[in-house]
Amino acid sequence: ETAGPPPWEGAAAAVPLVVRGPGFAPAE
């Protein structure tokens, strides 16, 4: 969550998943 999107994000055709902590919440 603390990191901005990388410059290559648009070219990756990937689905973004922002993690809001050191582990993964159930939805993540």
PDB file of all heavy atoms in Angstrom:
ATOM      1  N   GLU A   1       0.825  -1.205   0.000  1.00  0.00           N
ATOM      2  CA  GLU A   1       0.000   0.000   0.000  1.00  0.00           C
ATOM      3  C   GLU A   1       0.864   1.262   0.000  1.00  0.00           C
ATOM      4  O   GLU A   1       0.501   2.280  -0.571  1.00  0.00           O
ATOM      5  CB  GLU A   1      -0.901  -0.018   1.229  1.00  0.00           C
ATOM      6  CG  GLU A   1      -1.824   1.157   1.343  1.00  0.00           C
ATOM      7  CD  GLU A   1      -2.722   1.066   2.556  1.00  0.00           C
ATOM      8  OE1 GLU A   1      -2.254   0.630   3.621  1.00  0.00           O
ATOM      9  OE2 GLU A   1      -3.887   1.438   2.437  1.00  0.00           O
ATOM     10  N   THR A   2       2.029   1.183   0.626  1.00  0.00           N
ATOM     11  CA  THR A   2       2.905   2.347   0.733  1.00  0.00           C
ATOM     12  C   THR A   2       3.700   2.619  -0.537  1.00  0.00           C
ATOM     13  O   THR A   2       4.313   3.671  -0.657  1.00  0.00           O
ATOM     14  CB  THR A   2       3.886   2.146   1.902  1.00  0.00           C
ATOM     15  OG1 THR A   2       4.610   0.926   1.691  1.00  0.00           O
ATOM     16  CG2 THR A   2       3.150   2.084   3.225  1.00  0.00           C
ATOM     17  N   ALA A   3       3.698   1.695  -1.478  1.00  0.00           N
ATOM     18  CA  ALA A   3       4.459   1.865  -2.719  1.00  0.00           C
ATOM     19  C   ALA A   3       3.550   2.356  -3.834  1.00  0.00           C
ATOM     20  O   ALA A   3       2.401   1.934  -3.946  1.00  0.00           O
ATOM     21  CB  ALA A   3       5.095   0.542  -3.128  1.00  0.00           C
ATOM     22  N   GLY A   4       4.065   3.231  -4.654  1.00  0.00           N
ATOM     23  CA  GLY A   4       3.308   3.672  -5.818  1.00  0.00           C
ATOM     24  C   GLY A   4       3.407   2.644  -6.926  1.00  0.00           C
ATOM     25  O   GLY A   4       4.195   1.702  -6.842  1.00  0.00           O
ATOM     26  N   PRO A   5       2.623   2.799  -7.959  1.00  0.00           N
ATOM     27  CA  PRO A   5       2.695   1.855  -9.067  1.00  0.00           C
ATOM     28  C   PRO A   5       4.043   1.962  -9.789  1.00  0.00           C
ATOM     29  O   PRO A   5       4.563   3.061  -9.957  1.00  0.00           O
ATOM     30  CB  PRO A   5       1.547   2.259  -9.976  1.00  0.00           C
ATOM     31  CG  PRO A   5       1.169   3.626  -9.570  1.00  0.00           C
ATOM     32  CD  PRO A   5       1.618   3.824  -8.161  1.00  0.00           C
ATOM     33  N   PRO A   6       4.601   0.829 -10.200  1.00  0.00           N
ATOM     34  CA  PRO A   6       5.873   0.876 -10.927  1.00  0.00           C
ATOM     35  C   PRO A   6       5.664   1.460 -12.329  1.00  0.00           C
ATOM     36  O   PRO A   6       4.554   1.404 -12.876  1.00  0.00           O
ATOM     37  CB  PRO A   6       6.299  -0.592 -10.999  1.00  0.00           C
ATOM     38  CG  PRO A   6       5.040  -1.365 -10.876  1.00  0.00           C
ATOM     39  CD  PRO A   6       4.132  -0.546 -10.009  1.00  0.00           C
ATOM     40  N   PRO A   7       6.712   1.984 -12.933  1.00  0.00           N
ATOM     41  CA  PRO A   7       6.563   2.608 -14.252  1.00  0.00           C
ATOM     42  C   PRO A   7       6.140   1.626 -15.346  1.00  0.00           C
ATOM     43  O   PRO A   7       5.570   2.026 -16.341  1.00  0.00           O
ATOM     44  CB  PRO A   7       7.951   3.194 -14.539  1.00  0.00           C
ATOM     45  CG  PRO A   7       8.876   2.578 -13.571  1.00  0.00           C
ATOM     46  CD  PRO A   7       8.068   2.114 -12.405  1.00  0.00           C
ATOM     47  N   TRP A   8       6.377   0.349 -15.146  1.00  0.00           N
ATOM     48  CA  TRP A   8       6.043  -0.650 -16.158  1.00  0.00           C
ATOM     49  C   TRP A   8       4.643  -1.238 -15.964  1.00  0.00           C
ATOM     50  O   TRP A   8       4.237  -2.133 -16.702  1.00  0.00           O
ATOM     51  CB  TRP A   8       7.077  -1.770 -16.165  1.00  0.00           C
ATOM     52  CG  TRP A   8       7.402  -2.305 -14.809  1.00  0.00           C
ATOM     53  CD1 TRP A   8       8.421  -1.911 -13.996  1.00  0.00           C
ATOM     54  CD2 TRP A   8       6.696  -3.320 -14.081  1.00  0.00           C
ATOM     55  NE1 TRP A   8       8.393  -2.613 -12.816  1.00  0.00           N
ATOM     56  CE2 TRP A   8       7.349  -3.500 -12.843  1.00  0.00           C
ATOM     57  CE3 TRP A   8       5.582  -4.106 -14.362  1.00  0.00           C
ATOM     58  CZ2 TRP A   8       6.916  -4.417 -11.899  1.00  0.00           C
ATOM     59  CZ3 TRP A   8       5.149  -5.014 -13.412  1.00  0.00           C
ATOM     60  CH2 TRP A   8       5.819  -5.171 -12.203  1.00  0.00           C
ATOM     61  N   GLU A   9       3.876  -0.750 -14.999  1.00  0.00           N
ATOM     62  CA  GLU A   9       2.569  -1.338 -14.699  1.00  0.00           C
ATOM     63  C   GLU A   9       1.638  -1.377 -15.906  1.00  0.00           C
ATOM     64  O   GLU A   9       0.994  -2.395 -16.165  1.00  0.00           O
ATOM     65  CB  GLU A   9       1.888  -0.583 -13.556  1.00  0.00           C
ATOM     66  CG  GLU A   9       0.522  -1.141 -13.200  1.00  0.00           C
ATOM     67  CD  GLU A   9      -0.118  -0.453 -12.016  1.00  0.00           C
ATOM     68  OE1 GLU A   9       0.423   0.540 -11.502  1.00  0.00           O
ATOM     69  OE2 GLU A   9      -1.170  -0.919 -11.588  1.00  0.00           O
ATOM     70  N   GLY A  10       1.560  -0.310 -16.653  1.00  0.00           N
ATOM     71  CA  GLY A  10       0.662  -0.263 -17.801  1.00  0.00           C
ATOM     72  C   GLY A  10       1.020  -1.254 -18.895  1.00  0.00           C
ATOM     73  O   GLY A  10       0.147  -1.775 -19.574  1.00  0.00           O
ATOM     74  N   ALA A  11       2.287  -1.550 -19.057  1.00  0.00           N
ATOM     75  CA  ALA A  11       2.725  -2.474 -20.098  1.00  0.00           C
ATOM     76  C   ALA A  11       2.590  -3.933 -19.688  1.00  0.00           C
ATOM     77  O   ALA A  11       2.688  -4.816 -20.531  1.00  0.00           O
ATOM     78  CB  ALA A  11       4.183  -2.180 -20.457  1.00  0.00           C
ATOM     79  N   ALA A  12       2.345  -4.188 -18.418  1.00  0.00           N
ATOM     80  CA  ALA A  12       2.327  -5.566 -17.927  1.00  0.00           C
ATOM     81  C   ALA A  12       1.002  -6.276 -18.155  1.00  0.00           C
ATOM     82  O   ALA A  12       0.935  -7.488 -18.069  1.00  0.00           O
ATOM     83  CB  ALA A  12       2.668  -5.592 -16.438  1.00  0.00           C
ATOM     84  N   ALA A  13      -0.079  -5.546 -18.431  1.00  0.00           N
ATOM     85  CA  ALA A  13      -1.406  -6.151 -18.588  1.00  0.00           C
ATOM     86  C   ALA A  13      -1.747  -7.039 -17.397  1.00  0.00           C
ATOM     87  O   ALA A  13      -2.282  -8.124 -17.550  1.00  0.00           O
ATOM     88  CB  ALA A  13      -1.496  -6.927 -19.900  1.00  0.00           C
ATOM     89  N   ALA A  14      -1.395  -6.568 -16.210  1.00  0.00           N
ATOM     90  CA  ALA A  14      -1.629  -7.324 -14.984  1.00  0.00           C
ATOM     91  C   ALA A  14      -2.731  -6.671 -14.168  1.00  0.00           C
ATOM     92  O   ALA A  14      -3.004  -5.484 -14.307  1.00  0.00           O
ATOM     93  CB  ALA A  14      -0.342  -7.391 -14.158  1.00  0.00           C
ATOM     94  N   VAL A  15      -3.340  -7.460 -13.314  1.00  0.00           N
ATOM     95  CA  VAL A  15      -4.377  -6.968 -12.418  1.00  0.00           C
ATOM     96  C   VAL A  15      -3.697  -6.477 -11.141  1.00  0.00           C
ATOM     97  O   VAL A  15      -2.998  -7.256 -10.480  1.00  0.00           O
ATOM     98  CB  VAL A  15      -5.375  -8.095 -12.078  1.00  0.00           C
ATOM     99  CG1 VAL A  15      -6.407  -7.616 -11.082  1.00  0.00           C
ATOM    100  CG2 VAL A  15      -6.035  -8.617 -13.343  1.00  0.00           C
ATOM    101  N   PRO A  16      -3.850  -5.212 -10.767  1.00  0.00           N
ATOM    102  CA  PRO A  16      -3.191  -4.713  -9.553  1.00  0.00           C
ATOM    103  C   PRO A  16      -3.809  -5.318  -8.285  1.00  0.00           C
ATOM    104  O   PRO A  16      -5.020  -5.484  -8.186  1.00  0.00           O
ATOM    105  CB  PRO A  16      -3.427  -3.211  -9.583  1.00  0.00           C
ATOM    106  CG  PRO A  16      -3.994  -2.900 -10.913  1.00  0.00           C
ATOM    107  CD  PRO A  16      -4.536  -4.156 -11.490  1.00  0.00           C
ATOM    108  N   LEU A  17      -2.969  -5.661  -7.331  1.00  0.00           N
ATOM    109  CA  LEU A  17      -3.395  -6.108  -6.011  1.00  0.00           C
ATOM    110  C   LEU A  17      -2.554  -5.352  -4.994  1.00  0.00           C
ATOM    111  O   LEU A  17      -1.349  -5.569  -4.898  1.00  0.00           O
ATOM    112  CB  LEU A  17      -3.205  -7.615  -5.832  1.00  0.00           C
ATOM    113  CG  LEU A  17      -3.518  -8.161  -4.436  1.00  0.00           C
ATOM    114  CD1 LEU A  17      -4.992  -7.969  -4.091  1.00  0.00           C
ATOM    115  CD2 LEU A  17      -3.131  -9.619  -4.326  1.00  0.00           C
ATOM    116  N   VAL A  18      -3.188  -4.439  -4.274  1.00  0.00           N
ATOM    117  CA  VAL A  18      -2.485  -3.635  -3.280  1.00  0.00           C
ATOM    118  C   VAL A  18      -2.647  -4.318  -1.930  1.00  0.00           C
ATOM    119  O   VAL A  18      -3.766  -4.554  -1.472  1.00  0.00           O
ATOM    120  CB  VAL A  18      -3.033  -2.196  -3.239  1.00  0.00           C
ATOM    121  CG1 VAL A  18      -2.333  -1.384  -2.159  1.00  0.00           C
ATOM    122  CG2 VAL A  18      -2.865  -1.537  -4.603  1.00  0.00           C
ATOM    123  N   VAL A  19      -1.528  -4.638  -1.296  1.00  0.00           N
ATOM    124  CA  VAL A  19      -1.523  -5.334  -0.010  1.00  0.00           C
ATOM    125  C   VAL A  19      -1.409  -4.295   1.091  1.00  0.00           C
ATOM    126  O   VAL A  19      -0.507  -3.462   1.081  1.00  0.00           O
ATOM    127  CB  VAL A  19      -0.346  -6.337   0.056  1.00  0.00           C
ATOM    128  CG1 VAL A  19      -0.340  -7.050   1.379  1.00  0.00           C
ATOM    129  CG2 VAL A  19      -0.435  -7.311  -1.088  1.00  0.00           C
ATOM    130  N   ARG A  20      -2.292  -4.362   2.051  1.00  0.00           N
ATOM    131  CA  ARG A  20      -2.368  -3.353   3.094  1.00  0.00           C
ATOM    132  C   ARG A  20      -1.728  -3.781   4.399  1.00  0.00           C
ATOM    133  O   ARG A  20      -2.232  -3.464   5.455  1.00  0.00           O
ATOM    134  CB  ARG A  20      -3.822  -2.980   3.345  1.00  0.00           C
ATOM    135  CG  ARG A  20      -4.475  -2.377   2.132  1.00  0.00           C
ATOM    136  CD  ARG A  20      -5.864  -1.926   2.382  1.00  0.00           C
ATOM    137  NE  ARG A  20      -6.699  -1.437   1.352  1.00  0.00           N
ATOM    138  CZ  ARG A  20      -6.440  -1.085   0.131  1.00  0.00           C
ATOM    139  NH1 ARG A  20      -5.253  -1.158  -0.327  1.00  0.00           N
ATOM    140  NH2 ARG A  20      -7.336  -0.645  -0.693  1.00  0.00           N
ATOM    141  N   GLY A  21      -0.658  -4.498   4.347  1.00  0.00           N
ATOM    142  CA  GLY A  21       0.029  -4.897   5.573  1.00  0.00           C
ATOM    143  C   GLY A  21       1.078  -5.939   5.270  1.00  0.00           C
ATOM    144  O   GLY A  21       1.247  -6.330   4.123  1.00  0.00           O
ATOM    145  N   PRO A  22       1.768  -6.412   6.292  1.00  0.00           N
ATOM    146  CA  PRO A  22       2.840  -7.381   6.053  1.00  0.00           C
ATOM    147  C   PRO A  22       2.324  -8.738   5.592  1.00  0.00           C
ATOM    148  O   PRO A  22       3.000  -9.457   4.896  1.00  0.00           O
ATOM    149  CB  PRO A  22       3.536  -7.490   7.404  1.00  0.00           C
ATOM    150  CG  PRO A  22       2.538  -7.017   8.400  1.00  0.00           C
ATOM    151  CD  PRO A  22       1.652  -6.045   7.688  1.00  0.00           C
ATOM    152  N   GLY A  23       1.102  -9.087   5.947  1.00  0.00           N
ATOM    153  CA  GLY A  23       0.510 -10.348   5.504  1.00  0.00           C
ATOM    154  C   GLY A  23      -0.570 -10.070   4.486  1.00  0.00           C
ATOM    155  O   GLY A  23      -0.622  -9.002   3.888  1.00  0.00           O
ATOM    156  N   PHE A  24      -1.438 -11.014   4.287  1.00  0.00           N
ATOM    157  CA  PHE A  24      -2.525 -10.840   3.343  1.00  0.00           C
ATOM    158  C   PHE A  24      -3.849 -10.955   4.074  1.00  0.00           C
ATOM    159  O   PHE A  24      -4.086 -11.926   4.793  1.00  0.00           O
ATOM    160  CB  PHE A  24      -2.466 -11.913   2.246  1.00  0.00           C
ATOM    161  CG  PHE A  24      -1.410 -11.660   1.219  1.00  0.00           C
ATOM    162  CD1 PHE A  24      -0.088 -11.971   1.460  1.00  0.00           C
ATOM    163  CD2 PHE A  24      -1.735 -11.097   0.001  1.00  0.00           C
ATOM    164  CE1 PHE A  24       0.883 -11.722   0.524  1.00  0.00           C
ATOM    165  CE2 PHE A  24      -0.769 -10.845  -0.947  1.00  0.00           C
ATOM    166  CZ  PHE A  24       0.545 -11.158  -0.694  1.00  0.00           C
ATOM    167  N   ALA A  25      -4.717  -9.971   3.891  1.00  0.00           N
ATOM    168  CA  ALA A  25      -6.073 -10.039   4.428  1.00  0.00           C
ATOM    169  C   ALA A  25      -6.834 -11.106   3.631  1.00  0.00           C
ATOM    170  O   ALA A  25      -6.431 -11.447   2.512  1.00  0.00           O
ATOM    171  CB  ALA A  25      -6.748  -8.681   4.292  1.00  0.00           C
ATOM    172  N   PRO A  26      -7.922 -11.634   4.171  1.00  0.00           N
ATOM    173  CA  PRO A  26      -8.671 -12.672   3.447  1.00  0.00           C
ATOM    174  C   PRO A  26      -9.070 -12.261   2.022  1.00  0.00           C
ATOM    175  O   PRO A  26      -8.968 -13.064   1.095  1.00  0.00           O
ATOM    176  CB  PRO A  26      -9.895 -12.906   4.326  1.00  0.00           C
ATOM    177  CG  PRO A  26      -9.423 -12.576   5.712  1.00  0.00           C
ATOM    178  CD  PRO A  26      -8.462 -11.422   5.522  1.00  0.00           C
ATOM    179  N   ALA A  27      -9.499 -11.029   1.827  1.00  0.00           N
ATOM    180  CA  ALA A  27      -9.882 -10.588   0.479  1.00  0.00           C
ATOM    181  C   ALA A  27      -8.673 -10.553  -0.455  1.00  0.00           C
ATOM    182  O   ALA A  27      -8.781 -10.876  -1.637  1.00  0.00           O
ATOM    183  CB  ALA A  27     -10.538  -9.217   0.544  1.00  0.00           C
ATOM    184  N   GLU A  28      -7.517 -10.155   0.074  1.00  0.00           N
ATOM    185  CA  GLU A  28      -6.293 -10.136  -0.741  1.00  0.00           C
ATOM    186  C   GLU A  28      -5.852 -11.559  -1.071  1.00  0.00           C
ATOM    187  O   GLU A  28      -5.478 -11.861  -2.198  1.00  0.00           O
ATOM    188  CB  GLU A  28      -5.184  -9.399   0.002  1.00  0.00           C
ATOM    189  CG  GLU A  28      -5.506  -7.941   0.251  1.00  0.00           C
ATOM    190  CD  GLU A  28      -4.628  -7.297   1.299  1.00  0.00           C
ATOM    191  OE1 GLU A  28      -3.894  -8.007   2.016  1.00  0.00           O
ATOM    192  OE2 GLU A  28      -4.693  -6.071   1.411  1.00  0.00           O
TER     193      GLU A  28
END
